[in-house]
Amino acid sequence: MSRNTNQNAATTSEKKRNFMKEPMGEKDVTALPAIGEISGEKLKAKGYGKAKNVYGVYLLPGTDKNKFVRTIVDKTGIRVQEAEKCYDALEEYHTNHS
């Protein structure tokens, strides 16, 4: 594994820890694990500028992982892998903060 890949993994883990340890509040959408600057811009362009906006999609009744991923990918154009990781992080957040 290259040095940059290891640094990215550490950064991703740190980002997730930081996201999980505090209430969501008004955090920018790029605070979500797996959402970087490019995907963040795509989400913002479609009205999902805050993490809580994406969390709202997670909270919709009847929304499972497949529906969440499909909705976010179809509406914003982010990658499936990013949407899946985002869902997993929101599920963990929901468990720890509900």
PDB file of N, CA and C in Angstrom:
ATOM      1  N   MET A   1       0.852  -1.180   0.000  1.00  0.00           N
ATOM      2  CA  MET A   1       0.000   0.000   0.000  1.00  0.00           C
ATOM      3  C   MET A   1       0.893   1.237   0.000  1.00  0.00           C
ATOM      4  N   SER A   2       0.550   2.224  -0.760  1.00  0.00           N
ATOM      5  CA  SER A   2       1.369   3.422  -0.856  1.00  0.00           C
ATOM      6  C   SER A   2       1.184   4.306   0.375  1.00  0.00           C
ATOM      7  N   ARG A   3       2.127   5.171   0.549  1.00  0.00           N
ATOM      8  CA  ARG A   3       2.088   6.081   1.693  1.00  0.00           C
ATOM      9  C   ARG A   3       0.845   6.962   1.662  1.00  0.00           C
ATOM     10  N   ASN A   4       0.479   7.495   0.500  1.00  0.00           N
ATOM     11  CA  ASN A   4      -0.695   8.351   0.390  1.00  0.00           C
ATOM     12  C   ASN A   4      -1.973   7.616   0.753  1.00  0.00           C
ATOM     13  N   THR A   5      -2.076   6.348   0.364  1.00  0.00           N
ATOM     14  CA  THR A   5      -3.258   5.570   0.701  1.00  0.00           C
ATOM     15  C   THR A   5      -3.367   5.416   2.208  1.00  0.00           C
ATOM     16  N   ASN A   6      -2.254   5.146   2.875  1.00  0.00           N
ATOM     17  CA  ASN A   6      -2.267   5.030   4.330  1.00  0.00           C
ATOM     18  C   ASN A   6      -2.660   6.339   4.986  1.00  0.00           C
ATOM     19  N   GLN A   7      -2.166   7.456   4.463  1.00  0.00           N
ATOM     20  CA  GLN A   7      -2.535   8.763   5.003  1.00  0.00           C
ATOM     21  C   GLN A   7      -4.015   9.029   4.805  1.00  0.00           C
ATOM     22  N   ASN A   8      -4.564   8.676   3.641  1.00  0.00           N
ATOM     23  CA  ASN A   8      -5.991   8.864   3.388  1.00  0.00           C
ATOM     24  C   ASN A   8      -6.827   8.021   4.331  1.00  0.00           C
ATOM     25  N   ALA A   9      -6.409   6.780   4.586  1.00  0.00           N
ATOM     26  CA  ALA A   9      -7.145   5.914   5.504  1.00  0.00           C
ATOM     27  C   ALA A   9      -7.139   6.508   6.905  1.00  0.00           C
ATOM     28  N   ALA A  10      -5.995   7.017   7.332  1.00  0.00           N
ATOM     29  CA  ALA A  10      -5.918   7.634   8.660  1.00  0.00           C
ATOM     30  C   ALA A  10      -6.806   8.870   8.724  1.00  0.00           C
ATOM     31  N   THR A  11      -6.805   9.665   7.666  1.00  0.00           N
ATOM     32  CA  THR A  11      -7.632  10.858   7.622  1.00  0.00           C
ATOM     33  C   THR A  11      -9.115  10.496   7.657  1.00  0.00           C
ATOM     34  N   THR A  12      -9.498   9.448   6.925  1.00  0.00           N
ATOM     35  CA  THR A  12     -10.882   9.002   6.912  1.00  0.00           C
ATOM     36  C   THR A  12     -11.306   8.532   8.297  1.00  0.00           C
ATOM     37  N   SER A  13     -10.463   7.767   8.952  1.00  0.00           N
ATOM     38  CA  SER A  13     -10.779   7.295  10.303  1.00  0.00           C
ATOM     39  C   SER A  13     -10.905   8.455  11.276  1.00  0.00           C
ATOM     40  N   GLU A  14      -9.998   9.414  11.168  1.00  0.00           N
ATOM     41  CA  GLU A  14     -10.048  10.592  12.036  1.00  0.00           C
ATOM     42  C   GLU A  14     -11.318  11.401  11.761  1.00  0.00           C
ATOM     43  N   LYS A  15     -11.664  11.549  10.506  1.00  0.00           N
ATOM     44  CA  LYS A  15     -12.878  12.286  10.128  1.00  0.00           C
ATOM     45  C   LYS A  15     -14.109  11.606  10.717  1.00  0.00           C
ATOM     46  N   LYS A  16     -14.159  10.291  10.645  1.00  0.00           N
ATOM     47  CA  LYS A  16     -15.291   9.549  11.190  1.00  0.00           C
ATOM     48  C   LYS A  16     -15.360   9.717  12.705  1.00  0.00           C
ATOM     49  N   ARG A  17     -14.230   9.586  13.384  1.00  0.00           N
ATOM     50  CA  ARG A  17     -14.210   9.766  14.846  1.00  0.00           C
ATOM     51  C   ARG A  17     -14.707  11.149  15.222  1.00  0.00           C
ATOM     52  N   ASN A  18     -14.245  12.159  14.520  1.00  0.00           N
ATOM     53  CA  ASN A  18     -14.672  13.534  14.807  1.00  0.00           C
ATOM     54  C   ASN A  18     -16.162  13.715  14.573  1.00  0.00           C
ATOM     55  N   PHE A  19     -16.676  13.106  13.520  1.00  0.00           N
ATOM     56  CA  PHE A  19     -18.103  13.227  13.223  1.00  0.00           C
ATOM     57  C   PHE A  19     -18.939  12.535  14.301  1.00  0.00           C
ATOM     58  N   MET A  20     -18.493  11.396  14.752  1.00  0.00           N
ATOM     59  CA  MET A  20     -19.264  10.593  15.708  1.00  0.00           C
ATOM     60  C   MET A  20     -19.291  11.181  17.109  1.00  0.00           C
ATOM     61  N   LYS A  21     -18.265  11.917  17.478  1.00  0.00           N
ATOM     62  CA  LYS A  21     -18.152  12.321  18.882  1.00  0.00           C
ATOM     63  C   LYS A  21     -18.977  13.550  19.250  1.00  0.00           C
ATOM     64  N   GLU A  22     -19.532  14.246  18.288  1.00  0.00           N
ATOM     65  CA  GLU A  22     -20.274  15.473  18.574  1.00  0.00           C
ATOM     66  C   GLU A  22     -21.657  15.438  17.931  1.00  0.00           C
ATOM     67  N   PRO A  23     -22.586  16.197  18.481  1.00  0.00           N
ATOM     68  CA  PRO A  23     -23.879  16.340  17.797  1.00  0.00           C
ATOM     69  C   PRO A  23     -23.675  16.920  16.398  1.00  0.00           C
ATOM     70  N   MET A  24     -24.562  16.586  15.492  1.00  0.00           N
ATOM     71  CA  MET A  24     -24.424  17.004  14.098  1.00  0.00           C
ATOM     72  C   MET A  24     -24.546  18.511  13.934  1.00  0.00           C
ATOM     73  N   GLY A  25     -25.517  19.097  14.595  1.00  0.00           N
ATOM     74  CA  GLY A  25     -25.689  20.542  14.516  1.00  0.00           C
ATOM     75  C   GLY A  25     -25.730  21.050  13.087  1.00  0.00           C
ATOM     76  N   GLU A  26     -24.926  22.045  12.815  1.00  0.00           N
ATOM     77  CA  GLU A  26     -24.897  22.694  11.499  1.00  0.00           C
ATOM     78  C   GLU A  26     -23.651  22.308  10.691  1.00  0.00           C
ATOM     79  N   LYS A  27     -23.136  21.115  10.933  1.00  0.00           N
ATOM     80  CA  LYS A  27     -21.928  20.687  10.220  1.00  0.00           C
ATOM     81  C   LYS A  27     -22.159  20.660   8.716  1.00  0.00           C
ATOM     82  N   ASP A  28     -21.141  21.067   7.996  1.00  0.00           N
ATOM     83  CA  ASP A  28     -21.163  21.027   6.543  1.00  0.00           C
ATOM     84  C   ASP A  28     -21.274  19.582   6.068  1.00  0.00           C
ATOM     85  N   VAL A  29     -21.833  19.382   4.908  1.00  0.00           N
ATOM     86  CA  VAL A  29     -21.994  18.040   4.361  1.00  0.00           C
ATOM     87  C   VAL A  29     -20.649  17.331   4.223  1.00  0.00           C
ATOM     88  N   THR A  30     -19.577  18.066   4.026  1.00  0.00           N
ATOM     89  CA  THR A  30     -18.258  17.440   3.888  1.00  0.00           C
ATOM     90  C   THR A  30     -17.727  16.908   5.218  1.00  0.00           C
ATOM     91  N   ALA A  31     -18.414  17.167   6.316  1.00  0.00           N
ATOM     92  CA  ALA A  31     -18.043  16.566   7.604  1.00  0.00           C
ATOM     93  C   ALA A  31     -18.443  15.096   7.650  1.00  0.00           C
ATOM     94  N   LEU A  32     -19.362  14.682   6.769  1.00  0.00           N
ATOM     95  CA  LEU A  32     -19.797  13.286   6.732  1.00  0.00           C
ATOM     96  C   LEU A  32     -18.654  12.386   6.278  1.00  0.00           C
ATOM     97  N   PRO A  33     -18.460  11.261   6.964  1.00  0.00           N
ATOM     98  CA  PRO A  33     -17.455  10.306   6.492  1.00  0.00           C
ATOM     99  C   PRO A  33     -17.750   9.887   5.056  1.00  0.00           C
ATOM    100  N   ALA A  34     -16.703   9.767   4.255  1.00  0.00           N
ATOM    101  CA  ALA A  34     -16.746   9.355   2.848  1.00  0.00           C
ATOM    102  C   ALA A  34     -17.160  10.478   1.896  1.00  0.00           C
ATOM    103  N   ILE A  35     -17.479  11.651   2.410  1.00  0.00           N
ATOM    104  CA  ILE A  35     -17.866  12.767   1.543  1.00  0.00           C
ATOM    105  C   ILE A  35     -16.736  13.795   1.521  1.00  0.00           C
ATOM    106  N   GLY A  36     -16.079  13.868   0.369  1.00  0.00           N
ATOM    107  CA  GLY A  36     -14.998  14.823   0.190  1.00  0.00           C
ATOM    108  C   GLY A  36     -15.496  16.096  -0.470  1.00  0.00           C
ATOM    109  N   GLU A  37     -14.564  16.895  -0.918  1.00  0.00           N
ATOM    110  CA  GLU A  37     -14.905  18.195  -1.506  1.00  0.00           C
ATOM    111  C   GLU A  37     -15.734  18.074  -2.784  1.00  0.00           C
ATOM    112  N   ILE A  38     -15.350  17.180  -3.679  1.00  0.00           N
ATOM    113  CA  ILE A  38     -16.066  17.059  -4.955  1.00  0.00           C
ATOM    114  C   ILE A  38     -17.488  16.559  -4.731  1.00  0.00           C
ATOM    115  N   SER A  39     -17.634  15.495  -3.953  1.00  0.00           N
ATOM    116  CA  SER A  39     -18.981  14.986  -3.660  1.00  0.00           C
ATOM    117  C   SER A  39     -19.764  15.996  -2.839  1.00  0.00           C
ATOM    118  N   GLY A  40     -19.083  16.691  -1.955  1.00  0.00           N
ATOM    119  CA  GLY A  40     -19.743  17.727  -1.168  1.00  0.00           C
ATOM    120  C   GLY A  40     -20.332  18.809  -2.047  1.00  0.00           C
ATOM    121  N   GLU A  41     -19.608  19.201  -3.071  1.00  0.00           N
ATOM    122  CA  GLU A  41     -20.117  20.217  -4.005  1.00  0.00           C
ATOM    123  C   GLU A  41     -21.327  19.696  -4.775  1.00  0.00           C
ATOM    124  N   LYS A  42     -21.285  18.425  -5.165  1.00  0.00           N
ATOM    125  CA  LYS A  42     -22.432  17.824  -5.863  1.00  0.00           C
ATOM    126  C   LYS A  42     -23.656  17.810  -4.950  1.00  0.00           C
ATOM    127  N   LEU A  43     -23.450  17.428  -3.698  1.00  0.00           N
ATOM    128  CA  LEU A  43     -24.552  17.399  -2.736  1.00  0.00           C
ATOM    129  C   LEU A  43     -25.101  18.802  -2.497  1.00  0.00           C
ATOM    130  N   LYS A  44     -24.217  19.769  -2.318  1.00  0.00           N
ATOM    131  CA  LYS A  44     -24.644  21.155  -2.086  1.00  0.00           C
ATOM    132  C   LYS A  44     -25.446  21.691  -3.263  1.00  0.00           C
ATOM    133  N   ALA A  45     -25.019  21.365  -4.464  1.00  0.00           N
ATOM    134  CA  ALA A  45     -25.710  21.843  -5.666  1.00  0.00           C
ATOM    135  C   ALA A  45     -27.148  21.327  -5.751  1.00  0.00           C
ATOM    136  N   LYS A  46     -27.421  20.222  -5.069  1.00  0.00           N
ATOM    137  CA  LYS A  46     -28.764  19.639  -5.086  1.00  0.00           C
ATOM    138  C   LYS A  46     -29.523  19.883  -3.780  1.00  0.00           C
ATOM    139  N   GLY A  47     -29.013  20.801  -2.947  1.00  0.00           N
ATOM    140  CA  GLY A  47     -29.736  21.187  -1.736  1.00  0.00           C
ATOM    141  C   GLY A  47     -29.368  20.435  -0.475  1.00  0.00           C
ATOM    142  N   TYR A  48     -28.299  19.676  -0.518  1.00  0.00           N
ATOM    143  CA  TYR A  48     -27.845  18.924   0.649  1.00  0.00           C
ATOM    144  C   TYR A  48     -26.549  19.530   1.187  1.00  0.00           C
ATOM    145  N   GLY A  49     -26.596  20.782   1.595  1.00  0.00           N
ATOM    146  CA  GLY A  49     -25.397  21.493   2.021  1.00  0.00           C
ATOM    147  C   GLY A  49     -24.940  21.193   3.433  1.00  0.00           C
ATOM    148  N   LYS A  50     -25.818  20.649   4.227  1.00  0.00           N
ATOM    149  CA  LYS A  50     -25.494  20.334   5.625  1.00  0.00           C
ATOM    150  C   LYS A  50     -25.604  18.831   5.837  1.00  0.00           C
ATOM    151  N   ALA A  51     -24.826  18.325   6.776  1.00  0.00           N
ATOM    152  CA  ALA A  51     -24.891  16.899   7.112  1.00  0.00           C
ATOM    153  C   ALA A  51     -26.301  16.511   7.517  1.00  0.00           C
ATOM    154  N   LYS A  52     -26.993  17.412   8.210  1.00  0.00           N
ATOM    155  CA  LYS A  52     -28.349  17.099   8.669  1.00  0.00           C
ATOM    156  C   LYS A  52     -29.317  16.903   7.502  1.00  0.00           C
ATOM    157  N   ASN A  53     -29.046  17.516   6.344  1.00  0.00           N
ATOM    158  CA  ASN A  53     -29.896  17.311   5.175  1.00  0.00           C
ATOM    159  C   ASN A  53     -29.794  15.874   4.668  1.00  0.00           C
ATOM    160  N   VAL A  54     -28.583  15.337   4.659  1.00  0.00           N
ATOM    161  CA  VAL A  54     -28.373  13.952   4.230  1.00  0.00           C
ATOM    162  C   VAL A  54     -28.925  13.007   5.302  1.00  0.00           C
ATOM    163  N   TYR A  55     -28.747  13.369   6.560  1.00  0.00           N
ATOM    164  CA  TYR A  55     -29.290  12.571   7.666  1.00  0.00           C
ATOM    165  C   TYR A  55     -30.812  12.480   7.556  1.00  0.00           C
ATOM    166  N   GLY A  56     -31.430  13.537   7.091  1.00  0.00           N
ATOM    167  CA  GLY A  56     -32.880  13.528   6.886  1.00  0.00           C
ATOM    168  C   GLY A  56     -33.308  12.464   5.893  1.00  0.00           C
ATOM    169  N   VAL A  57     -32.527  12.254   4.852  1.00  0.00           N
ATOM    170  CA  VAL A  57     -32.828  11.188   3.891  1.00  0.00           C
ATOM    171  C   VAL A  57     -32.715   9.831   4.583  1.00  0.00           C
ATOM    172  N   TYR A  58     -31.686   9.679   5.417  1.00  0.00           N
ATOM    173  CA  TYR A  58     -31.502   8.440   6.181  1.00  0.00           C
ATOM    174  C   TYR A  58     -32.721   8.164   7.067  1.00  0.00           C
ATOM    175  N   LEU A  59     -33.276   9.217   7.656  1.00  0.00           N
ATOM    176  CA  LEU A  59     -34.370   9.068   8.614  1.00  0.00           C
ATOM    177  C   LEU A  59     -35.750   8.864   7.979  1.00  0.00           C
ATOM    178  N   LEU A  60     -35.874   9.040   6.684  1.00  0.00           N
ATOM    179  CA  LEU A  60     -37.177   8.878   6.038  1.00  0.00           C
ATOM    180  C   LEU A  60     -37.738   7.488   6.293  1.00  0.00           C
ATOM    181  N   PRO A  61     -39.022   7.406   6.637  1.00  0.00           N
ATOM    182  CA  PRO A  61     -39.624   6.092   6.877  1.00  0.00           C
ATOM    183  C   PRO A  61     -39.468   5.183   5.660  1.00  0.00           C
ATOM    184  N   GLY A  62     -39.150   3.940   5.926  1.00  0.00           N
ATOM    185  CA  GLY A  62     -39.019   2.957   4.854  1.00  0.00           C
ATOM    186  C   GLY A  62     -37.696   3.005   4.120  1.00  0.00           C
ATOM    187  N   THR A  63     -36.770   3.831   4.592  1.00  0.00           N
ATOM    188  CA  THR A  63     -35.486   3.948   3.911  1.00  0.00           C
ATOM    189  C   THR A  63     -34.500   2.949   4.492  1.00  0.00           C
ATOM    190  N   ASP A  64     -34.094   2.002   3.662  1.00  0.00           N
ATOM    191  CA  ASP A  64     -33.037   1.076   4.041  1.00  0.00           C
ATOM    192  C   ASP A  64     -31.771   1.500   3.295  1.00  0.00           C
ATOM    193  N   LYS A  65     -30.721   0.741   3.438  1.00  0.00           N
ATOM    194  CA  LYS A  65     -29.449   1.125   2.820  1.00  0.00           C
ATOM    195  C   LYS A  65     -29.577   1.248   1.307  1.00  0.00           C
ATOM    196  N   ASN A  66     -30.219   0.278   0.674  1.00  0.00           N
ATOM    197  CA  ASN A  66     -30.342   0.323  -0.791  1.00  0.00           C
ATOM    198  C   ASN A  66     -31.116   1.542  -1.259  1.00  0.00           C
ATOM    199  N   LYS A  67     -32.208   1.857  -0.591  1.00  0.00           N
ATOM    200  CA  LYS A  67     -33.019   3.014  -0.982  1.00  0.00           C
ATOM    201  C   LYS A  67     -32.252   4.314  -0.740  1.00  0.00           C
ATOM    202  N   PHE A  68     -31.556   4.414   0.392  1.00  0.00           N
ATOM    203  CA  PHE A  68     -30.744   5.604   0.686  1.00  0.00           C
ATOM    204  C   PHE A  68     -29.695   5.809  -0.396  1.00  0.00           C
ATOM    205  N   VAL A  69     -28.953   4.756  -0.692  1.00  0.00           N
ATOM    206  CA  VAL A  69     -27.876   4.860  -1.693  1.00  0.00           C
ATOM    207  C   VAL A  69     -28.452   5.251  -3.041  1.00  0.00           C
ATOM    208  N   ARG A  70     -29.507   4.588  -3.453  1.00  0.00           N
ATOM    209  CA  ARG A  70     -30.129   4.883  -4.753  1.00  0.00           C
ATOM    210  C   ARG A  70     -30.608   6.334  -4.812  1.00  0.00           C
ATOM    211  N   THR A  71     -31.248   6.792  -3.733  1.00  0.00           N
ATOM    212  CA  THR A  71     -31.771   8.163  -3.691  1.00  0.00           C
ATOM    213  C   THR A  71     -30.642   9.174  -3.795  1.00  0.00           C
ATOM    214  N   ILE A  72     -29.623   9.015  -2.974  1.00  0.00           N
ATOM    215  CA  ILE A  72     -28.511   9.981  -2.951  1.00  0.00           C
ATOM    216  C   ILE A  72     -27.741   9.963  -4.271  1.00  0.00           C
ATOM    217  N   VAL A  73     -27.457   8.778  -4.793  1.00  0.00           N
ATOM    218  CA  VAL A  73     -26.711   8.675  -6.053  1.00  0.00           C
ATOM    219  C   VAL A  73     -27.528   9.257  -7.202  1.00  0.00           C
ATOM    220  N   ASP A  74     -28.802   8.899  -7.284  1.00  0.00           N
ATOM    221  CA  ASP A  74     -29.652   9.391  -8.379  1.00  0.00           C
ATOM    222  C   ASP A  74     -29.847  10.901  -8.328  1.00  0.00           C
ATOM    223  N   LYS A  75     -30.008  11.446  -7.133  1.00  0.00           N
ATOM    224  CA  LYS A  75     -30.271  12.884  -7.007  1.00  0.00           C
ATOM    225  C   LYS A  75     -29.021  13.736  -7.139  1.00  0.00           C
ATOM    226  N   THR A  76     -27.863  13.195  -6.755  1.00  0.00           N
ATOM    227  CA  THR A  76     -26.676  14.052  -6.676  1.00  0.00           C
ATOM    228  C   THR A  76     -25.522  13.622  -7.565  1.00  0.00           C
ATOM    229  N   GLY A  77     -25.487  12.371  -7.963  1.00  0.00           N
ATOM    230  CA  GLY A  77     -24.404  11.904  -8.822  1.00  0.00           C
ATOM    231  C   GLY A  77     -23.137  11.506  -8.090  1.00  0.00           C
ATOM    232  N   ILE A  78     -23.175  11.388  -6.758  1.00  0.00           N
ATOM    233  CA  ILE A  78     -21.970  10.916  -6.074  1.00  0.00           C
ATOM    234  C   ILE A  78     -21.832   9.417  -6.321  1.00  0.00           C
ATOM    235  N   ARG A  79     -20.669   8.880  -6.030  1.00  0.00           N
ATOM    236  CA  ARG A  79     -20.405   7.461  -6.281  1.00  0.00           C
ATOM    237  C   ARG A  79     -21.144   6.569  -5.287  1.00  0.00           C
ATOM    238  N   VAL A  80     -21.504   5.384  -5.740  1.00  0.00           N
ATOM    239  CA  VAL A  80     -22.211   4.414  -4.905  1.00  0.00           C
ATOM    240  C   VAL A  80     -21.410   4.110  -3.649  1.00  0.00           C
ATOM    241  N   GLN A  81     -20.113   3.893  -3.797  1.00  0.00           N
ATOM    242  CA  GLN A  81     -19.254   3.564  -2.655  1.00  0.00           C
ATOM    243  C   GLN A  81     -19.308   4.666  -1.589  1.00  0.00           C
ATOM    244  N   GLU A  82     -19.304   5.906  -2.014  1.00  0.00           N
ATOM    245  CA  GLU A  82     -19.382   7.016  -1.066  1.00  0.00           C
ATOM    246  C   GLU A  82     -20.729   7.021  -0.344  1.00  0.00           C
ATOM    247  N   ALA A  83     -21.793   6.806  -1.088  1.00  0.00           N
ATOM    248  CA  ALA A  83     -23.128   6.790  -0.493  1.00  0.00           C
ATOM    249  C   ALA A  83     -23.275   5.635   0.489  1.00  0.00           C
ATOM    250  N   GLU A  84     -22.708   4.483   0.166  1.00  0.00           N
ATOM    251  CA  GLU A  84     -22.770   3.329   1.071  1.00  0.00           C
ATOM    252  C   GLU A  84     -22.020   3.606   2.366  1.00  0.00           C
ATOM    253  N   LYS A  85     -20.830   4.157   2.254  1.00  0.00           N
ATOM    254  CA  LYS A  85     -20.046   4.474   3.458  1.00  0.00           C
ATOM    255  C   LYS A  85     -20.721   5.566   4.280  1.00  0.00           C
ATOM    256  N   CYS A  86     -21.324   6.504   3.603  1.00  0.00           N
ATOM    257  CA  CYS A  86     -22.052   7.571   4.280  1.00  0.00           C
ATOM    258  C   CYS A  86     -23.229   6.976   5.057  1.00  0.00           C
ATOM    259  N   TYR A  87     -23.966   6.076   4.441  1.00  0.00           N
ATOM    260  CA  TYR A  87     -25.089   5.409   5.114  1.00  0.00           C
ATOM    261  C   TYR A  87     -24.599   4.681   6.364  1.00  0.00           C
ATOM    262  N   ASP A  88     -23.521   3.931   6.226  1.00  0.00           N
ATOM    263  CA  ASP A  88     -22.987   3.179   7.364  1.00  0.00           C
ATOM    264  C   ASP A  88     -22.622   4.115   8.512  1.00  0.00           C
ATOM    265  N   ALA A  89     -22.016   5.246   8.187  1.00  0.00           N
ATOM    266  CA  ALA A  89     -21.648   6.218   9.217  1.00  0.00           C
ATOM    267  C   ALA A  89     -22.888   6.837   9.861  1.00  0.00           C
ATOM    268  N   LEU A  90     -23.895   7.157   9.062  1.00  0.00           N
ATOM    269  CA  LEU A  90     -25.133   7.720   9.610  1.00  0.00           C
ATOM    270  C   LEU A  90     -25.862   6.708  10.481  1.00  0.00           C
ATOM    271  N   GLU A  91     -25.809   5.448  10.103  1.00  0.00           N
ATOM    272  CA  GLU A  91     -26.428   4.406  10.922  1.00  0.00           C
ATOM    273  C   GLU A  91     -25.730   4.316  12.285  1.00  0.00           C
ATOM    274  N   GLU A  92     -24.412   4.362  12.270  1.00  0.00           N
ATOM    275  CA  GLU A  92     -23.653   4.345  13.529  1.00  0.00           C
ATOM    276  C   GLU A  92     -23.934   5.601  14.347  1.00  0.00           C
ATOM    277  N   TYR A  93     -23.977   6.735  13.686  1.00  0.00           N
ATOM    278  CA  TYR A  93     -24.279   8.003  14.362  1.00  0.00           C
ATOM    279  C   TYR A  93     -25.656   7.906  15.021  1.00  0.00           C
ATOM    280  N   HIS A  94     -26.633   7.422  14.292  1.00  0.00           N
ATOM    281  CA  HIS A  94     -28.003   7.326  14.782  1.00  0.00           C
ATOM    282  C   HIS A  94     -28.060   6.419  16.021  1.00  0.00           C
ATOM    283  N   THR A  95     -27.370   5.309  15.969  1.00  0.00           N
ATOM    284  CA  THR A  95     -27.333   4.380  17.104  1.00  0.00           C
ATOM    285  C   THR A  95     -26.720   5.035  18.336  1.00  0.00           C
ATOM    286  N   ASN A  96     -25.663   5.806  18.133  1.00  0.00           N
ATOM    287  CA  ASN A  96     -24.936   6.417  19.258  1.00  0.00           C
ATOM    288  C   ASN A  96     -25.547   7.705  19.770  1.00  0.00           C
ATOM    289  N   HIS A  97     -26.395   8.367  18.985  1.00  0.00           N
ATOM    290  CA  HIS A  97     -26.922   9.680  19.378  1.00  0.00           C
ATOM    291  C   HIS A  97     -28.439   9.712  19.513  1.00  0.00           C
ATOM    292  N   SER A  98     -29.088   8.572  19.476  1.00  0.00           N
ATOM    293  CA  SER A  98     -30.547   8.552  19.616  1.00  0.00           C
ATOM    294  C   SER A  98     -30.960   8.235  21.032  1.00  0.00           C
TER     295      SER A  98
END
